[in-house]
C-alpha atoms as a PDB file:
ATOM      1  CA  UNK A   1     121.426  40.424  47.402  1.00  0.00           C
ATOM      2  CA  UNK A   2     122.509  42.276  50.535  1.00  0.00           C
ATOM      3  CA  UNK A   3     121.662  44.972  53.031  1.00  0.00           C
ATOM      4  CA  UNK A   4     123.016  47.122  55.839  1.00  0.00           C
ATOM      5  CA  UNK A   5     122.886  45.613  59.325  1.00  0.00           C
ATOM      6  CA  UNK A   6     124.922  45.076  62.474  1.00  0.00           C
ATOM      7  CA  UNK A   7     127.188  42.050  62.334  1.00  0.00           C
ATOM      8  CA  UNK A   8     126.090  39.336  64.790  1.00  0.00           C
ATOM      9  CA  UNK A   9     128.614  38.582  67.528  1.00  0.00           C
ATOM     10  CA  UNK A  10     129.048  34.976  66.422  1.00  0.00           C
ATOM     11  CA  UNK A  11     129.965  35.971  62.848  1.00  0.00           C
ATOM     12  CA  UNK A  12     133.532  36.563  61.655  1.00  0.00           C
ATOM     13  CA  UNK A  13     134.701  39.900  60.245  1.00  0.00           C
ATOM     14  CA  UNK A  14     133.596  38.763  56.788  1.00  0.00           C
ATOM     15  CA  UNK A  15     130.202  37.778  58.265  1.00  0.00           C
ATOM     16  CA  UNK A  16     130.774  34.049  57.745  1.00  0.00           C
ATOM     17  CA  UNK A  17     129.734  31.497  60.345  1.00  0.00           C
ATOM     18  CA  UNK A  18     130.490  27.776  60.643  1.00  0.00           C
ATOM     19  CA  UNK A  19     127.842  25.800  58.797  1.00  0.00           C
ATOM     20  CA  UNK A  20     127.518  23.560  61.875  1.00  0.00           C
ATOM     21  CA  UNK A  21     125.737  20.964  59.755  1.00  0.00           C
ATOM     22  CA  UNK A  22     124.660  19.073  62.892  1.00  0.00           C
ATOM     23  CA  UNK A  23     122.380  21.940  63.927  1.00  0.00           C
ATOM     24  CA  UNK A  24     119.968  21.046  61.130  1.00  0.00           C
ATOM     25  CA  UNK A  25     117.148  18.811  62.380  1.00  0.00           C
ATOM     26  CA  UNK A  26     115.561  15.804  60.710  1.00  0.00           C
ATOM     27  CA  UNK A  27     112.670  18.091  59.787  1.00  0.00           C
ATOM     28  CA  UNK A  28     115.127  20.502  58.148  1.00  0.00           C
ATOM     29  CA  UNK A  29     116.625  17.731  56.024  1.00  0.00           C
ATOM     30  CA  UNK A  30     113.148  16.448  55.166  1.00  0.00           C
ATOM     31  CA  UNK A  31     112.207  19.957  53.987  1.00  0.00           C
ATOM     32  CA  UNK A  32     115.297  20.061  51.742  1.00  0.00           C
ATOM     33  CA  UNK A  33     114.456  16.637  50.292  1.00  0.00           C
ATOM     34  CA  UNK A  34     110.843  17.648  49.692  1.00  0.00           C
ATOM     35  CA  UNK A  35     111.870  20.847  47.904  1.00  0.00           C
ATOM     36  CA  UNK A  36     114.689  19.155  45.986  1.00  0.00           C
ATOM     37  CA  UNK A  37     112.573  16.263  44.730  1.00  0.00           C
ATOM     38  CA  UNK A  38     109.744  18.571  43.685  1.00  0.00           C
ATOM     39  CA  UNK A  39     112.083  20.750  41.625  1.00  0.00           C
ATOM     40  CA  UNK A  40     114.086  17.811  40.250  1.00  0.00           C
ATOM     41  CA  UNK A  41     110.884  16.397  38.746  1.00  0.00           C
ATOM     42  CA  UNK A  42     109.767  19.753  37.335  1.00  0.00           C
ATOM     43  CA  UNK A  43     112.919  21.319  35.939  1.00  0.00           C
ATOM     44  CA  UNK A  44     114.193  18.994  33.177  1.00  0.00           C
ATOM     45  CA  UNK A  45     113.265  20.648  29.880  1.00  0.00           C
ATOM     46  CA  UNK A  46     112.538  23.937  31.658  1.00  0.00           C
ATOM     47  CA  UNK A  47     115.887  24.862  33.163  1.00  0.00           C
ATOM     48  CA  UNK A  48     119.115  25.593  31.286  1.00  0.00           C
ATOM     49  CA  UNK A  49     120.950  22.303  30.594  1.00  0.00           C
ATOM     50  CA  UNK A  50     124.024  23.811  32.268  1.00  0.00           C
ATOM     51  CA  UNK A  51     122.089  23.873  35.546  1.00  0.00           C
ATOM     52  CA  UNK A  52     121.175  20.187  35.344  1.00  0.00           C
ATOM     53  CA  UNK A  53     124.785  19.355  34.493  1.00  0.00           C
ATOM     54  CA  UNK A  54     125.875  21.239  37.612  1.00  0.00           C
ATOM     55  CA  UNK A  55     123.424  19.343  39.830  1.00  0.00           C
ATOM     56  CA  UNK A  56     124.853  16.113  38.460  1.00  0.00           C
ATOM     57  CA  UNK A  57     128.573  16.887  38.654  1.00  0.00           C
ATOM     58  CA  UNK A  58     128.248  18.326  42.172  1.00  0.00           C
ATOM     59  CA  UNK A  59     126.301  15.226  43.286  1.00  0.00           C
ATOM     60  CA  UNK A  60     123.607  17.356  44.874  1.00  0.00           C
ATOM     61  CA  UNK A  61     120.969  14.637  44.622  1.00  0.00           C
ATOM     62  CA  UNK A  62     122.126  13.009  47.854  1.00  0.00           C
ATOM     63  CA  UNK A  63     119.502  13.208  50.635  1.00  0.00           C
ATOM     64  CA  UNK A  64     119.637  16.043  53.122  1.00  0.00           C
ATOM     65  CA  UNK A  65     121.091  19.538  53.183  1.00  0.00           C
ATOM     66  CA  UNK A  66     124.547  19.442  51.569  1.00  0.00           C
ATOM     67  CA  UNK A  67     127.629  19.753  53.742  1.00  0.00           C
ATOM     68  CA  UNK A  68     129.395  22.880  52.529  1.00  0.00           C
ATOM     69  CA  UNK A  69     132.913  21.479  52.995  1.00  0.00           C
ATOM     70  CA  UNK A  70     132.266  18.554  50.683  1.00  0.00           C
ATOM     71  CA  UNK A  71     130.307  20.674  48.215  1.00  0.00           C
ATOM     72  CA  UNK A  72     133.060  23.298  48.149  1.00  0.00           C
ATOM     73  CA  UNK A  73     135.724  20.650  47.557  1.00  0.00           C
ATOM     74  CA  UNK A  74     133.940  19.466  44.417  1.00  0.00           C
ATOM     75  CA  UNK A  75     133.175  23.011  43.251  1.00  0.00           C
ATOM     76  CA  UNK A  76     136.745  24.215  43.866  1.00  0.00           C
ATOM     77  CA  UNK A  77     138.115  21.529  41.552  1.00  0.00           C
ATOM     78  CA  UNK A  78     135.752  22.616  38.786  1.00  0.00           C
ATOM     79  CA  UNK A  79     135.801  26.421  38.900  1.00  0.00           C
ATOM     80  CA  UNK A  80     137.646  27.576  42.028  1.00  0.00           C
ATOM     81  CA  UNK A  81     134.478  28.556  43.908  1.00  0.00           C
ATOM     82  CA  UNK A  82     133.447  27.626  47.431  1.00  0.00           C
ATOM     83  CA  UNK A  83     130.261  27.949  49.487  1.00  0.00           C
ATOM     84  CA  UNK A  84     130.343  29.710  52.866  1.00  0.00           C
ATOM     85  CA  UNK A  85     127.597  30.111  55.464  1.00  0.00           C
ATOM     86  CA  UNK A  86     126.324  33.488  56.667  1.00  0.00           C
ATOM     87  CA  UNK A  87     123.643  34.234  59.279  1.00  0.00           C
ATOM     88  CA  UNK A  88     121.357  36.048  56.817  1.00  0.00           C
ATOM     89  CA  UNK A  89     121.483  39.058  54.529  1.00  0.00           C
ATOM     90  CA  UNK A  90     124.860  40.811  54.639  1.00  0.00           C
ATOM     91  CA  UNK A  91     126.189  44.297  53.747  1.00  0.00           C
ATOM     92  CA  UNK A  92     126.812  45.061  50.086  1.00  0.00           C
ATOM     93  CA  UNK A  93     130.573  45.533  50.398  1.00  0.00           C
ATOM     94  CA  UNK A  94     130.969  42.173  52.166  1.00  0.00           C
ATOM     95  CA  UNK A  95     128.762  40.475  49.585  1.00  0.00           C
ATOM     96  CA  UNK A  96     130.772  41.891  46.667  1.00  0.00           C
ATOM     97  CA  UNK A  97     134.081  40.935  48.315  1.00  0.00           C
ATOM     98  CA  UNK A  98     132.968  37.324  48.665  1.00  0.00           C
ATOM     99  CA  UNK A  99     131.867  37.107  45.028  1.00  0.00           C
ATOM    100  CA  UNK A 100     135.029  38.820  43.780  1.00  0.00           C
ATOM    101  CA  UNK A 101     137.023  36.122  45.594  1.00  0.00           C
ATOM    102  CA  UNK A 102     134.869  33.238  44.352  1.00  0.00           C
ATOM    103  CA  UNK A 103     133.033  32.637  47.602  1.00  0.00           C
ATOM    104  CA  UNK A 104     129.283  32.191  47.385  1.00  0.00           C
ATOM    105  CA  UNK A 105     127.410  33.056  50.573  1.00  0.00           C
ATOM    106  CA  UNK A 106     124.466  30.959  51.742  1.00  0.00           C
ATOM    107  CA  UNK A 107     121.899  31.478  54.443  1.00  0.00           C
ATOM    108  CA  UNK A 108     122.367  28.927  57.210  1.00  0.00           C
ATOM    109  CA  UNK A 109     118.703  28.068  57.803  1.00  0.00           C
ATOM    110  CA  UNK A 110     115.875  26.452  55.857  1.00  0.00           C
ATOM    111  CA  UNK A 111     112.286  27.562  55.469  1.00  0.00           C
ATOM    112  CA  UNK A 112     109.437  26.234  57.589  1.00  0.00           C
ATOM    113  CA  UNK A 113     106.531  24.208  56.155  1.00  0.00           C
ATOM    114  CA  UNK A 114     104.408  27.381  56.207  1.00  0.00           C
ATOM    115  CA  UNK A 115     106.982  29.086  53.951  1.00  0.00           C
ATOM    116  CA  UNK A 116     107.386  26.232  51.476  1.00  0.00           C
ATOM    117  CA  UNK A 117     106.334  28.295  48.478  1.00  0.00           C
ATOM    118  CA  UNK A 118     107.577  31.745  49.441  1.00  0.00           C
ATOM    119  CA  UNK A 119     109.939  33.457  51.831  1.00  0.00           C
ATOM    120  CA  UNK A 120     111.519  36.872  51.443  1.00  0.00           C
ATOM    121  CA  UNK A 121     114.945  36.185  52.949  1.00  0.00           C
ATOM    122  CA  UNK A 122     116.914  33.551  51.015  1.00  0.00           C
ATOM    123  CA  UNK A 123     117.432  30.250  52.803  1.00  0.00           C
ATOM    124  CA  UNK A 124     119.870  27.421  52.177  1.00  0.00           C
ATOM    125  CA  UNK A 125     117.596  25.858  49.553  1.00  0.00           C
ATOM    126  CA  UNK A 126     117.350  29.032  47.514  1.00  0.00           C
ATOM    127  CA  UNK A 127     121.057  29.753  47.871  1.00  0.00           C
ATOM    128  CA  UNK A 128     122.516  26.293  47.365  1.00  0.00           C
ATOM    129  CA  UNK A 129     120.002  24.552  45.104  1.00  0.00           C
ATOM    130  CA  UNK A 130     119.158  27.727  43.198  1.00  0.00           C
ATOM    131  CA  UNK A 131     122.628  29.241  42.727  1.00  0.00           C
ATOM    132  CA  UNK A 132     125.397  26.703  43.193  1.00  0.00           C
ATOM    133  CA  UNK A 133     124.821  24.320  40.237  1.00  0.00           C
ATOM    134  CA  UNK A 134     125.597  27.080  37.708  1.00  0.00           C
ATOM    135  CA  UNK A 135     128.803  27.929  39.588  1.00  0.00           C
ATOM    136  CA  UNK A 136     130.096  24.616  38.230  1.00  0.00           C
ATOM    137  CA  UNK A 137     129.821  26.129  34.723  1.00  0.00           C
ATOM    138  CA  UNK A 138     133.099  27.959  33.970  1.00  0.00           C
ATOM    139  CA  UNK A 139     131.565  30.860  32.052  1.00  0.00           C
ATOM    140  CA  UNK A 140     128.813  31.581  34.567  1.00  0.00           C
ATOM    141  CA  UNK A 141     131.357  31.194  37.371  1.00  0.00           C
ATOM    142  CA  UNK A 142     133.457  33.905  35.689  1.00  0.00           C
ATOM    143  CA  UNK A 143     130.392  36.132  35.320  1.00  0.00           C
ATOM    144  CA  UNK A 144     129.654  35.899  39.040  1.00  0.00           C
ATOM    145  CA  UNK A 145     133.222  36.870  39.915  1.00  0.00           C
ATOM    146  CA  UNK A 146     133.119  39.757  37.420  1.00  0.00           C
ATOM    147  CA  UNK A 147     129.864  40.901  38.988  1.00  0.00           C
ATOM    148  CA  UNK A 148     131.479  40.954  42.432  1.00  0.00           C
ATOM    149  CA  UNK A 149     134.431  42.937  41.123  1.00  0.00           C
ATOM    150  CA  UNK A 150     132.039  45.375  39.457  1.00  0.00           C
ATOM    151  CA  UNK A 151     130.154  45.706  42.708  1.00  0.00           C
ATOM    152  CA  UNK A 152     133.325  46.729  44.510  1.00  0.00           C
ATOM    153  CA  UNK A 153     133.686  49.635  42.060  1.00  0.00           C
ATOM    154  CA  UNK A 154     130.007  50.595  41.933  1.00  0.00           C
ATOM    155  CA  UNK A 155     129.816  52.096  45.429  1.00  0.00           C
ATOM    156  CA  UNK A 156     132.227  54.901  44.601  1.00  0.00           C
ATOM    157  CA  UNK A 157     130.136  55.666  41.518  1.00  0.00           C
ATOM    158  CA  UNK A 158     126.857  55.805  43.453  1.00  0.00           C
ATOM    159  CA  UNK A 159     125.474  52.971  41.376  1.00  0.00           C
ATOM    160  CA  UNK A 160     124.939  49.988  43.697  1.00  0.00           C
ATOM    161  CA  UNK A 161     121.175  50.114  43.132  1.00  0.00           C
ATOM    162  CA  UNK A 162     121.642  50.028  39.340  1.00  0.00           C
ATOM    163  CA  UNK A 163     124.012  47.104  39.573  1.00  0.00           C
ATOM    164  CA  UNK A 164     121.583  45.320  41.888  1.00  0.00           C
ATOM    165  CA  UNK A 165     119.078  45.340  39.021  1.00  0.00           C
ATOM    166  CA  UNK A 166     121.558  43.480  36.827  1.00  0.00           C
ATOM    167  CA  UNK A 167     121.914  40.791  39.500  1.00  0.00           C
ATOM    168  CA  UNK A 168     118.150  40.600  39.933  1.00  0.00           C
ATOM    169  CA  UNK A 169     117.337  40.208  36.253  1.00  0.00           C
ATOM    170  CA  UNK A 170     120.140  37.729  35.498  1.00  0.00           C
ATOM    171  CA  UNK A 171     121.376  35.775  38.535  1.00  0.00           C
ATOM    172  CA  UNK A 172     117.996  35.714  40.276  1.00  0.00           C
ATOM    173  CA  UNK A 173     115.364  35.902  37.527  1.00  0.00           C
ATOM    174  CA  UNK A 174     117.118  35.411  34.192  1.00  0.00           C
ATOM    175  CA  UNK A 175     115.863  33.493  31.167  1.00  0.00           C
ATOM    176  CA  UNK A 176     118.103  32.144  28.393  1.00  0.00           C
ATOM    177  CA  UNK A 177     117.448  31.169  24.777  1.00  0.00           C
ATOM    178  CA  UNK A 178     118.835  27.894  23.490  1.00  0.00           C
ATOM    179  CA  UNK A 179     118.346  26.316  20.067  1.00  0.00           C
ATOM    180  CA  UNK A 180     115.655  24.081  21.563  1.00  0.00           C
ATOM    181  CA  UNK A 181     113.758  26.981  23.135  1.00  0.00           C
ATOM    182  CA  UNK A 182     113.651  29.284  26.139  1.00  0.00           C
ATOM    183  CA  UNK A 183     114.827  28.112  29.560  1.00  0.00           C
ATOM    184  CA  UNK A 184     115.037  29.488  33.079  1.00  0.00           C
ATOM    185  CA  UNK A 185     118.337  29.923  34.888  1.00  0.00           C
ATOM    186  CA  UNK A 186     117.837  32.531  37.620  1.00  0.00           C
ATOM    187  CA  UNK A 187     117.941  31.087  41.135  1.00  0.00           C
ATOM    188  CA  UNK A 188     114.784  32.878  42.227  1.00  0.00           C
ATOM    189  CA  UNK A 189     112.878  31.004  39.535  1.00  0.00           C
ATOM    190  CA  UNK A 190     114.745  27.702  39.723  1.00  0.00           C
ATOM    191  CA  UNK A 191     114.118  27.354  43.460  1.00  0.00           C
ATOM    192  CA  UNK A 192     110.399  28.220  43.152  1.00  0.00           C
ATOM    193  CA  UNK A 193     107.919  25.584  41.976  1.00  0.00           C
ATOM    194  CA  UNK A 194     105.290  28.143  40.988  1.00  0.00           C
ATOM    195  CA  UNK A 195     107.602  30.575  39.226  1.00  0.00           C
ATOM    196  CA  UNK A 196     109.376  27.767  37.354  1.00  0.00           C
ATOM    197  CA  UNK A 197     106.053  27.297  35.561  1.00  0.00           C
ATOM    198  CA  UNK A 198     104.930  30.940  35.475  1.00  0.00           C
ATOM    199  CA  UNK A 199     108.167  32.325  34.023  1.00  0.00           C
ATOM    200  CA  UNK A 200     107.962  30.204  30.879  1.00  0.00           C
ATOM    201  CA  UNK A 201     104.283  29.352  30.406  1.00  0.00           C
ATOM    202  CA  UNK A 202     102.122  32.166  31.722  1.00  0.00           C
ATOM    203  CA  UNK A 203     100.915  34.832  29.250  1.00  0.00           C
ATOM    204  CA  UNK A 204     101.079  37.522  31.932  1.00  0.00           C
ATOM    205  CA  UNK A 205     104.752  38.633  32.115  1.00  0.00           C
ATOM    206  CA  UNK A 206     106.789  40.400  29.454  1.00  0.00           C
ATOM    207  CA  UNK A 207     109.811  38.508  28.115  1.00  0.00           C
ATOM    208  CA  UNK A 208     112.267  40.952  26.619  1.00  0.00           C
ATOM    209  CA  UNK A 209     115.721  40.563  25.063  1.00  0.00           C
ATOM    210  CA  UNK A 210     118.522  41.400  27.492  1.00  0.00           C
ATOM    211  CA  UNK A 211     120.077  44.853  27.206  1.00  0.00           C
ATOM    212  CA  UNK A 212     122.454  46.090  29.890  1.00  0.00           C
ATOM    213  CA  UNK A 213     121.270  49.695  29.900  1.00  0.00           C
ATOM    214  CA  UNK A 214     117.605  48.696  29.768  1.00  0.00           C
ATOM    215  CA  UNK A 215     118.011  46.344  32.721  1.00  0.00           C
ATOM    216  CA  UNK A 216     119.723  48.968  34.859  1.00  0.00           C
ATOM    217  CA  UNK A 217     116.836  51.375  34.324  1.00  0.00           C
ATOM    218  CA  UNK A 218     114.102  48.854  35.143  1.00  0.00           C
ATOM    219  CA  UNK A 219     112.423  48.520  38.534  1.00  0.00           C
ATOM    220  CA  UNK A 220     111.745  45.102  40.030  1.00  0.00           C
ATOM    221  CA  UNK A 221     109.483  43.616  42.657  1.00  0.00           C
ATOM    222  CA  UNK A 222     110.446  41.337  45.512  1.00  0.00           C
ATOM    223  CA  UNK A 223     106.995  40.374  46.786  1.00  0.00           C
ATOM    224  CA  UNK A 224     105.526  38.226  43.996  1.00  0.00           C
ATOM    225  CA  UNK A 225     106.142  36.692  40.579  1.00  0.00           C
ATOM    226  CA  UNK A 226     107.947  39.011  38.186  1.00  0.00           C
ATOM    227  CA  UNK A 227     106.016  41.184  35.727  1.00  0.00           C
ATOM    228  CA  UNK A 228     108.867  41.021  33.264  1.00  0.00           C
ATOM    229  CA  UNK A 229     111.882  38.833  32.518  1.00  0.00           C
ATOM    230  CA  UNK A 230     114.981  39.536  30.447  1.00  0.00           C
ATOM    231  CA  UNK A 231     116.261  36.871  28.066  1.00  0.00           C
ATOM    232  CA  UNK A 232     119.992  36.401  27.446  1.00  0.00           C
ATOM    233  CA  UNK A 233     121.373  34.755  24.305  1.00  0.00           C
ATOM    234  CA  UNK A 234     124.091  32.778  26.100  1.00  0.00           C
ATOM    235  CA  UNK A 235     126.213  32.844  29.219  1.00  0.00           C
ATOM    236  CA  UNK A 236     129.184  33.690  26.999  1.00  0.00           C
ATOM    237  CA  UNK A 237     127.373  36.772  25.680  1.00  0.00           C
ATOM    238  CA  UNK A 238     126.374  37.838  29.188  1.00  0.00           C
ATOM    239  CA  UNK A 239     129.983  37.574  30.367  1.00  0.00           C
ATOM    240  CA  UNK A 240     131.293  39.381  27.286  1.00  0.00           C
ATOM    241  CA  UNK A 241     128.917  42.301  27.775  1.00  0.00           C
ATOM    242  CA  UNK A 242     129.937  42.545  31.420  1.00  0.00           C
ATOM    243  CA  UNK A 243     133.673  42.470  30.723  1.00  0.00           C
ATOM    244  CA  UNK A 244     133.587  44.702  27.624  1.00  0.00           C
ATOM    245  CA  UNK A 245     131.496  47.499  29.124  1.00  0.00           C
ATOM    246  CA  UNK A 246     132.960  50.618  30.700  1.00  0.00           C
ATOM    247  CA  UNK A 247     130.474  50.897  33.542  1.00  0.00           C
ATOM    248  CA  UNK A 248     131.353  54.420  34.727  1.00  0.00           C
ATOM    249  CA  UNK A 249     129.790  56.254  31.723  1.00  0.00           C
ATOM    250  CA  UNK A 250     126.981  53.687  31.629  1.00  0.00           C
ATOM    251  CA  UNK A 251     126.099  54.433  35.256  1.00  0.00           C
ATOM    252  CA  UNK A 252     126.262  58.178  34.597  1.00  0.00           C
ATOM    253  CA  UNK A 253     123.859  57.760  31.681  1.00  0.00           C
ATOM    254  CA  UNK A 254     121.280  55.558  33.401  1.00  0.00           C
ATOM    255  CA  UNK A 255     121.327  57.570  36.633  1.00  0.00           C
ATOM    256  CA  UNK A 256     120.426  60.667  34.627  1.00  0.00           C
ATOM    257  CA  UNK A 257     117.423  58.942  33.040  1.00  0.00           C
ATOM    258  CA  UNK A 258     114.048  58.059  34.587  1.00  0.00           C
ATOM    259  CA  UNK A 259     113.370  54.551  35.828  1.00  0.00           C
ATOM    260  CA  UNK A 260     111.317  52.311  33.565  1.00  0.00           C
ATOM    261  CA  UNK A 261     108.174  50.902  35.253  1.00  0.00           C
ATOM    262  CA  UNK A 262     108.178  47.118  35.630  1.00  0.00           C
ATOM    263  CA  UNK A 263     105.365  46.390  33.182  1.00  0.00           C
ATOM    264  CA  UNK A 264     106.533  48.735  30.400  1.00  0.00           C
ATOM    265  CA  UNK A 265     107.452  47.528  26.909  1.00  0.00           C
ATOM    266  CA  UNK A 266     109.496  50.066  24.959  1.00  0.00           C
ATOM    267  CA  UNK A 267     109.328  50.529  21.157  1.00  0.00           C
ATOM    268  CA  UNK A 268     112.935  49.393  20.687  1.00  0.00           C
ATOM    269  CA  UNK A 269     112.709  46.331  22.984  1.00  0.00           C
ATOM    270  CA  UNK A 270     113.291  42.890  21.473  1.00  0.00           C
ATOM    271  CA  UNK A 271     109.993  41.391  22.579  1.00  0.00           C
ATOM    272  CA  UNK A 272     109.551  37.634  22.898  1.00  0.00           C
ATOM    273  CA  UNK A 273     106.288  37.978  24.826  1.00  0.00           C
ATOM    274  CA  UNK A 274     104.266  41.157  25.263  1.00  0.00           C
ATOM    275  CA  UNK A 275     102.588  40.064  28.462  1.00  0.00           C
ATOM    276  CA  UNK A 276      98.959  40.632  29.378  1.00  0.00           C
ATOM    277  CA  UNK A 277      99.949  41.584  32.975  1.00  0.00           C
ATOM    278  CA  UNK A 278      96.740  39.789  33.975  1.00  0.00           C
ATOM    279  CA  UNK A 279      98.357  38.082  36.964  1.00  0.00           C
ATOM    280  CA  UNK A 280      99.734  41.314  38.434  1.00  0.00           C
ATOM    281  CA  UNK A 281      96.469  43.166  37.826  1.00  0.00           C
ATOM    282  CA  UNK A 282      94.514  40.390  39.533  1.00  0.00           C
ATOM    283  CA  UNK A 283      96.788  40.585  42.577  1.00  0.00           C
ATOM    284  CA  UNK A 284      96.271  44.350  42.748  1.00  0.00           C
ATOM    285  CA  UNK A 285      92.497  43.975  42.573  1.00  0.00           C
ATOM    286  CA  UNK A 286      92.551  41.094  45.029  1.00  0.00           C
ATOM    287  CA  UNK A 287      94.818  42.971  47.430  1.00  0.00           C
END
């Protein structure tokens, strides 16, 4: 999501920078194409159909890193969103303001060959390939704006960390149930070859029905595959829960309760998979 840092001199007040598409090298574009083609072969049947529809309607299959002006023009006509470049992670209040005004921020660099399968700070592939296709879906686009507006209110309530968990377990690492089965939709999964397989197929992680309060009490990890995923019923249901909830008393309730460890399954959880946690345990032993 975001962080606290000093704004670089070349960034505007809202932390945006020109994309300066020409600064990307041939190697940068080749990296995008490599990552794009690998995911495009893997994702059909695994990812939410709404994501594939977004890739198609936004014409993101053209070679090379997309030009944000052209991408934004297509996206604006569909849902009123645009894509803007930022130098890296940005402060929470700036992040929320962009989302609340239907601007999606993207890192303005791409990973190196050594980072092809993992990097901690989101690059243009994670941000644009992973996030932008679903912004072409009107309901998810509304959810992202509602999230930004909620973020603007959360600071005064001392609840930014709790709200960050909602973003993590939906926008970044969410699963969704369709009639034909379970699919991935979170950008952190969609942009990762390994986690696109792990999130659906591996017996290790828990897969638990989405519950707003439960999510806000649950820790998460940023350094490896997730130990648990939350499964939404539909984007419409996710948006409805977000818009219909009075967050102030919800924050007060969850802040007063202990955090739930990542691997925990509670008695009242809707459990789709009670994971073995074998992967996480192996990493701990191996580490």
